[in-house]
N, C-alpha and C. Protein backbone atom coordinates (compact mmCIF):
# COMPACT_ATOMS: atom_id res chain seq x y z
N MET A 1 224.33 201.03 117.29
CA MET A 1 224.27 202.38 116.76
C MET A 1 224.15 202.28 115.24
N GLY A 2 223.24 203.01 114.71
CA GLY A 2 222.98 202.93 113.28
C GLY A 2 223.93 203.81 112.48
N ARG A 3 223.63 203.87 111.25
CA ARG A 3 224.46 204.63 110.32
C ARG A 3 224.49 206.12 110.66
N PHE A 4 223.37 206.64 111.13
CA PHE A 4 223.30 208.07 111.44
C PHE A 4 223.87 208.39 112.81
N GLY A 5 223.97 207.42 113.68
CA GLY A 5 224.50 207.65 115.02
C GLY A 5 225.96 208.03 115.02
N LYS A 6 226.75 207.43 114.15
CA LYS A 6 228.18 207.75 114.07
C LYS A 6 228.39 209.17 113.57
N ASN A 7 227.62 209.57 112.58
CA ASN A 7 227.74 210.94 112.06
C ASN A 7 227.31 211.97 113.10
N ARG A 8 226.27 211.64 113.84
CA ARG A 8 225.78 212.56 114.86
C ARG A 8 226.84 212.75 115.95
N GLU A 9 227.46 211.68 116.38
CA GLU A 9 228.51 211.77 117.41
C GLU A 9 229.72 212.55 116.89
N ARG A 10 230.08 212.33 115.64
CA ARG A 10 231.20 213.07 115.04
C ARG A 10 230.87 214.56 114.96
N ASN A 11 229.63 214.88 114.60
CA ASN A 11 229.22 216.28 114.52
C ASN A 11 229.23 216.93 115.90
N ARG A 12 228.79 216.19 116.91
CA ARG A 12 228.80 216.74 118.28
C ARG A 12 230.24 217.00 118.73
N ARG A 13 231.14 216.08 118.43
CA ARG A 13 232.54 216.24 118.81
C ARG A 13 233.13 217.48 118.12
N ALA A 14 232.83 217.64 116.84
CA ALA A 14 233.32 218.81 116.10
C ALA A 14 232.73 220.10 116.68
N ALA A 15 231.46 220.06 117.05
CA ALA A 15 230.82 221.25 117.63
C ALA A 15 231.47 221.60 118.97
N ARG A 16 231.80 220.59 119.78
CA ARG A 16 232.46 220.85 121.06
C ARG A 16 233.84 221.49 120.85
N TRP A 17 234.59 220.98 119.88
CA TRP A 17 235.90 221.55 119.59
C TRP A 17 235.76 223.00 119.12
N LEU A 18 234.82 223.27 118.26
CA LEU A 18 234.62 224.64 117.78
C LEU A 18 234.20 225.56 118.92
N LEU A 19 233.34 225.08 119.79
CA LEU A 19 232.94 225.89 120.94
C LEU A 19 234.14 226.15 121.84
N GLY A 20 234.94 225.14 122.10
CA GLY A 20 236.13 225.31 122.93
C GLY A 20 237.11 226.29 122.34
N LEU A 21 237.36 226.18 121.04
CA LEU A 21 238.26 227.12 120.38
C LEU A 21 237.71 228.54 120.40
N SER A 22 236.41 228.67 120.21
CA SER A 22 235.78 230.00 120.25
C SER A 22 235.91 230.62 121.64
N LEU A 23 235.68 229.82 122.66
CA LEU A 23 235.81 230.33 124.03
C LEU A 23 237.25 230.71 124.35
N ALA A 24 238.20 229.91 123.89
CA ALA A 24 239.62 230.22 124.12
C ALA A 24 240.00 231.53 123.43
N ALA A 25 239.52 231.72 122.20
CA ALA A 25 239.80 232.97 121.49
C ALA A 25 239.16 234.16 122.20
N MET A 26 237.95 233.98 122.70
CA MET A 26 237.27 235.05 123.41
C MET A 26 238.05 235.44 124.67
N VAL A 27 238.50 234.45 125.43
CA VAL A 27 239.26 234.72 126.65
C VAL A 27 240.57 235.44 126.30
N PHE A 28 241.25 234.97 125.26
CA PHE A 28 242.51 235.60 124.84
C PHE A 28 242.31 237.08 124.54
N PHE A 29 241.31 237.41 123.72
CA PHE A 29 241.09 238.80 123.34
C PHE A 29 240.56 239.64 124.50
N ALA A 30 239.79 239.04 125.40
CA ALA A 30 239.31 239.77 126.57
C ALA A 30 240.48 240.14 127.49
N VAL A 31 241.40 239.20 127.70
CA VAL A 31 242.57 239.48 128.53
C VAL A 31 243.45 240.53 127.88
N ARG A 32 243.61 240.44 126.57
CA ARG A 32 244.42 241.42 125.85
C ARG A 32 243.81 242.81 125.94
N LEU A 33 242.49 242.90 125.80
CA LEU A 33 241.79 244.18 125.91
C LEU A 33 241.95 244.76 127.31
N ALA A 34 241.77 243.92 128.32
CA ALA A 34 241.90 244.38 129.70
C ALA A 34 243.32 244.87 129.98
N ALA A 35 244.32 244.14 129.50
CA ALA A 35 245.71 244.55 129.72
C ALA A 35 246.00 245.88 129.04
N ASP A 36 245.51 246.07 127.82
CA ASP A 36 245.70 247.35 127.12
C ASP A 36 245.01 248.49 127.86
N MET A 37 243.82 248.23 128.37
CA MET A 37 243.09 249.27 129.10
C MET A 37 243.85 249.69 130.35
N VAL A 38 244.35 248.72 131.09
CA VAL A 38 245.11 249.02 132.31
C VAL A 38 246.38 249.79 131.95
N TYR A 39 247.09 249.34 130.94
CA TYR A 39 248.36 249.97 130.55
C TYR A 39 248.15 251.42 130.12
N TRP A 40 247.19 251.65 129.22
CA TRP A 40 247.04 252.99 128.67
C TRP A 40 246.26 253.94 129.58
N ASN A 41 245.61 253.44 130.61
CA ASN A 41 244.95 254.32 131.58
C ASN A 41 245.90 254.76 132.68
N ASP A 42 247.09 254.23 132.69
CA ASP A 42 248.11 254.65 133.66
C ASP A 42 248.71 255.97 133.18
N PRO A 43 248.62 257.04 133.99
CA PRO A 43 249.12 258.35 133.56
C PRO A 43 250.62 258.36 133.22
N ARG A 44 251.38 257.40 133.72
CA ARG A 44 252.82 257.36 133.40
C ARG A 44 253.07 257.07 131.93
N HIS A 45 252.07 256.54 131.23
CA HIS A 45 252.25 256.21 129.82
C HIS A 45 251.71 257.29 128.88
N HIS A 46 251.32 258.42 129.45
CA HIS A 46 250.83 259.54 128.65
C HIS A 46 251.94 260.57 128.51
N ASP A 47 252.09 261.13 127.32
CA ASP A 47 253.08 262.18 127.04
C ASP A 47 254.48 261.79 127.52
N GLN A 48 254.88 260.58 127.17
CA GLN A 48 256.19 260.09 127.59
C GLN A 48 257.31 260.76 126.82
N GLN A 49 258.46 260.91 127.49
CA GLN A 49 259.65 261.39 126.82
C GLN A 49 260.06 260.36 125.77
N LEU A 50 260.50 260.83 124.62
CA LEU A 50 260.82 259.94 123.52
C LEU A 50 262.06 259.11 123.83
N GLU A 51 261.96 257.83 123.51
CA GLU A 51 263.06 256.87 123.72
C GLU A 51 263.32 256.15 122.40
N PRO A 52 264.54 255.66 122.19
CA PRO A 52 264.85 254.98 120.92
C PRO A 52 264.02 253.73 120.64
N TRP A 53 263.52 253.04 121.65
CA TRP A 53 262.77 251.80 121.45
C TRP A 53 261.34 252.03 120.99
N MET A 54 260.84 253.24 121.14
CA MET A 54 259.43 253.53 120.85
C MET A 54 259.16 253.50 119.34
N THR A 55 258.00 252.97 118.98
CA THR A 55 257.56 253.02 117.58
C THR A 55 256.71 254.27 117.38
N VAL A 56 256.46 254.60 116.13
CA VAL A 56 255.62 255.77 115.82
C VAL A 56 254.22 255.56 116.38
N GLY A 57 253.70 254.35 116.28
CA GLY A 57 252.38 254.05 116.82
C GLY A 57 252.31 254.24 118.33
N TYR A 58 253.36 253.81 119.03
CA TYR A 58 253.41 253.97 120.48
C TYR A 58 253.44 255.45 120.84
N VAL A 59 254.27 256.21 120.15
CA VAL A 59 254.38 257.65 120.42
C VAL A 59 253.04 258.34 120.15
N ALA A 60 252.40 257.98 119.05
CA ALA A 60 251.11 258.59 118.72
C ALA A 60 250.08 258.29 119.80
N ARG A 61 250.07 257.08 120.29
CA ARG A 61 249.10 256.72 121.33
C ARG A 61 249.44 257.42 122.64
N SER A 62 250.71 257.49 122.98
CA SER A 62 251.12 258.14 124.21
C SER A 62 250.77 259.63 124.21
N TRP A 63 250.95 260.27 123.06
CA TRP A 63 250.69 261.70 122.96
C TRP A 63 249.28 262.01 122.44
N ASP A 64 248.45 260.99 122.26
CA ASP A 64 247.05 261.14 121.86
C ASP A 64 246.90 261.92 120.55
N ILE A 65 247.63 261.47 119.54
CA ILE A 65 247.48 262.03 118.21
C ILE A 65 247.30 260.88 117.22
N ASP A 66 246.82 261.21 116.03
CA ASP A 66 246.57 260.19 115.02
C ASP A 66 247.88 259.64 114.47
N ARG A 67 248.00 258.32 114.46
CA ARG A 67 249.23 257.66 114.01
C ARG A 67 249.51 257.97 112.54
N ARG A 68 248.48 257.93 111.71
CA ARG A 68 248.69 258.17 110.27
C ARG A 68 249.17 259.59 110.01
N SER A 69 248.57 260.56 110.70
CA SER A 69 248.99 261.95 110.48
C SER A 69 250.41 262.16 111.00
N LEU A 70 250.78 261.48 112.08
CA LEU A 70 252.15 261.59 112.58
C LEU A 70 253.13 260.98 111.57
N ARG A 71 252.78 259.83 111.01
CA ARG A 71 253.65 259.20 109.99
C ARG A 71 253.80 260.12 108.78
N GLU A 72 252.69 260.74 108.36
CA GLU A 72 252.75 261.66 107.22
C GLU A 72 253.60 262.89 107.55
N ALA A 73 253.42 263.44 108.74
CA ALA A 73 254.17 264.63 109.13
C ALA A 73 255.66 264.33 109.24
N LEU A 74 256.00 263.11 109.62
CA LEU A 74 257.41 262.71 109.69
C LEU A 74 257.94 262.24 108.34
N GLU A 75 257.08 262.32 107.32
CA GLU A 75 257.42 261.93 105.95
C GLU A 75 257.89 260.48 105.88
N LEU A 76 257.18 259.61 106.59
CA LEU A 76 257.53 258.19 106.58
C LEU A 76 256.80 257.44 105.49
N GLY A 77 255.61 257.90 105.15
CA GLY A 77 254.84 257.23 104.11
C GLY A 77 254.40 255.84 104.56
N PRO A 78 253.65 255.17 103.71
CA PRO A 78 253.22 253.82 104.08
C PRO A 78 254.41 252.87 104.05
N ALA A 79 254.67 252.25 105.17
CA ALA A 79 255.82 251.35 105.27
C ALA A 79 255.34 249.92 105.45
N PRO A 80 256.05 248.98 104.87
CA PRO A 80 255.65 247.58 105.07
C PRO A 80 255.85 247.14 106.52
N ASP A 81 256.79 247.79 107.21
CA ASP A 81 257.08 247.44 108.60
C ASP A 81 256.70 248.61 109.49
N HIS A 82 255.56 248.51 110.16
CA HIS A 82 255.12 249.59 111.04
C HIS A 82 255.78 249.50 112.41
N LYS A 83 256.69 248.57 112.60
CA LYS A 83 257.31 248.37 113.90
C LYS A 83 258.70 248.98 113.99
N SER A 84 259.08 249.82 113.05
CA SER A 84 260.39 250.46 113.12
C SER A 84 260.41 251.41 114.31
N SER A 85 261.46 251.30 115.10
CA SER A 85 261.59 252.15 116.28
C SER A 85 262.12 253.52 115.87
N LEU A 86 261.97 254.49 116.77
CA LEU A 86 262.51 255.82 116.50
C LEU A 86 264.02 255.76 116.35
N GLY A 87 264.67 254.91 117.13
CA GLY A 87 266.11 254.75 117.01
C GLY A 87 266.50 254.25 115.63
N GLN A 88 265.75 253.28 115.11
CA GLN A 88 266.02 252.76 113.77
C GLN A 88 265.75 253.81 112.70
N LEU A 89 264.68 254.57 112.88
CA LEU A 89 264.36 255.64 111.91
C LEU A 89 265.45 256.71 111.91
N ALA A 90 265.97 257.06 113.09
CA ALA A 90 267.07 258.02 113.18
C ALA A 90 268.31 257.47 112.48
N HIS A 91 268.59 256.20 112.72
CA HIS A 91 269.75 255.56 112.08
C HIS A 91 269.59 255.56 110.56
N ASP A 92 268.38 255.27 110.08
CA ASP A 92 268.12 255.25 108.64
C ASP A 92 268.33 256.62 108.00
N ARG A 93 268.14 257.68 108.78
CA ARG A 93 268.32 259.05 108.27
C ARG A 93 269.71 259.60 108.58
N ASN A 94 270.58 258.75 109.12
CA ASN A 94 271.95 259.15 109.48
C ASN A 94 271.95 260.32 110.45
N MET A 95 271.07 260.25 111.45
CA MET A 95 270.97 261.30 112.47
C MET A 95 271.21 260.70 113.84
N GLU A 96 271.69 261.54 114.74
CA GLU A 96 271.76 261.13 116.14
C GLU A 96 270.34 261.06 116.67
N PHE A 97 270.10 260.17 117.63
CA PHE A 97 268.74 260.01 118.12
C PHE A 97 268.21 261.30 118.75
N ASP A 98 269.04 261.99 119.53
CA ASP A 98 268.56 263.21 120.20
C ASP A 98 268.08 264.26 119.20
N ALA A 99 268.81 264.42 118.10
CA ALA A 99 268.40 265.39 117.08
C ALA A 99 267.10 264.94 116.42
N TYR A 100 267.00 263.65 116.13
CA TYR A 100 265.78 263.14 115.51
C TYR A 100 264.61 263.26 116.49
N ALA A 101 264.85 263.01 117.77
CA ALA A 101 263.80 263.11 118.78
C ALA A 101 263.29 264.55 118.88
N GLU A 102 264.18 265.53 118.73
CA GLU A 102 263.75 266.93 118.74
C GLU A 102 262.83 267.21 117.55
N ASP A 103 263.19 266.69 116.38
CA ASP A 103 262.33 266.87 115.20
C ASP A 103 260.97 266.21 115.41
N VAL A 104 260.98 265.02 115.96
CA VAL A 104 259.72 264.30 116.22
C VAL A 104 258.89 265.08 117.23
N MET A 105 259.54 265.61 118.26
CA MET A 105 258.82 266.35 119.30
C MET A 105 258.18 267.61 118.71
N GLN A 106 258.89 268.32 117.84
CA GLN A 106 258.32 269.49 117.18
C GLN A 106 257.11 269.09 116.34
N THR A 107 257.20 267.97 115.66
CA THR A 107 256.09 267.47 114.85
C THR A 107 254.90 267.13 115.74
N ILE A 108 255.16 266.50 116.88
CA ILE A 108 254.09 266.15 117.82
C ILE A 108 253.37 267.40 118.29
N LEU A 109 254.14 268.41 118.68
CA LEU A 109 253.54 269.65 119.17
C LEU A 109 252.72 270.34 118.08
N GLN A 110 253.20 270.30 116.84
CA GLN A 110 252.43 270.88 115.73
C GLN A 110 251.14 270.10 115.50
N GLU A 111 251.21 268.78 115.55
CA GLU A 111 250.02 267.95 115.36
C GLU A 111 249.00 268.17 116.47
N LYS A 112 249.47 268.32 117.70
CA LYS A 112 248.55 268.58 118.81
C LYS A 112 247.91 269.95 118.68
N ALA A 113 248.67 270.93 118.19
CA ALA A 113 248.12 272.28 118.00
C ALA A 113 247.04 272.27 116.92
N VAL A 114 247.26 271.50 115.87
CA VAL A 114 246.27 271.41 114.79
C VAL A 114 245.01 270.71 115.30
N ALA A 115 245.19 269.71 116.15
CA ALA A 115 244.05 268.93 116.65
C ALA A 115 243.18 269.74 117.62
N GLU A 116 243.75 270.73 118.25
CA GLU A 116 242.98 271.52 119.24
C GLU A 116 242.25 272.64 118.63
């Protein structure tokens, strides 16, 4: 094998690895997309009653409203952590969850009325 044969084999090996990694990434995102489609097409996940574990993004998706407008209406502003649960947000405001959930529900209904 000549001088160029070693480089060619190394390039082929690198190309195979890149192809394999690309295919693995494609499969990962395809499975994730399919799982999200199945989950959110289930009617049980639409208009769910508010629970302390839910995030603002989850609530917005469940109630089919814009997440950013819901965050603005709840006066949350841009937060570094978008994963704060409703229970944590209620705790941060020194409120009982049920009272905070009522406020969130009123905001949701107002946002849906504006959207229609």
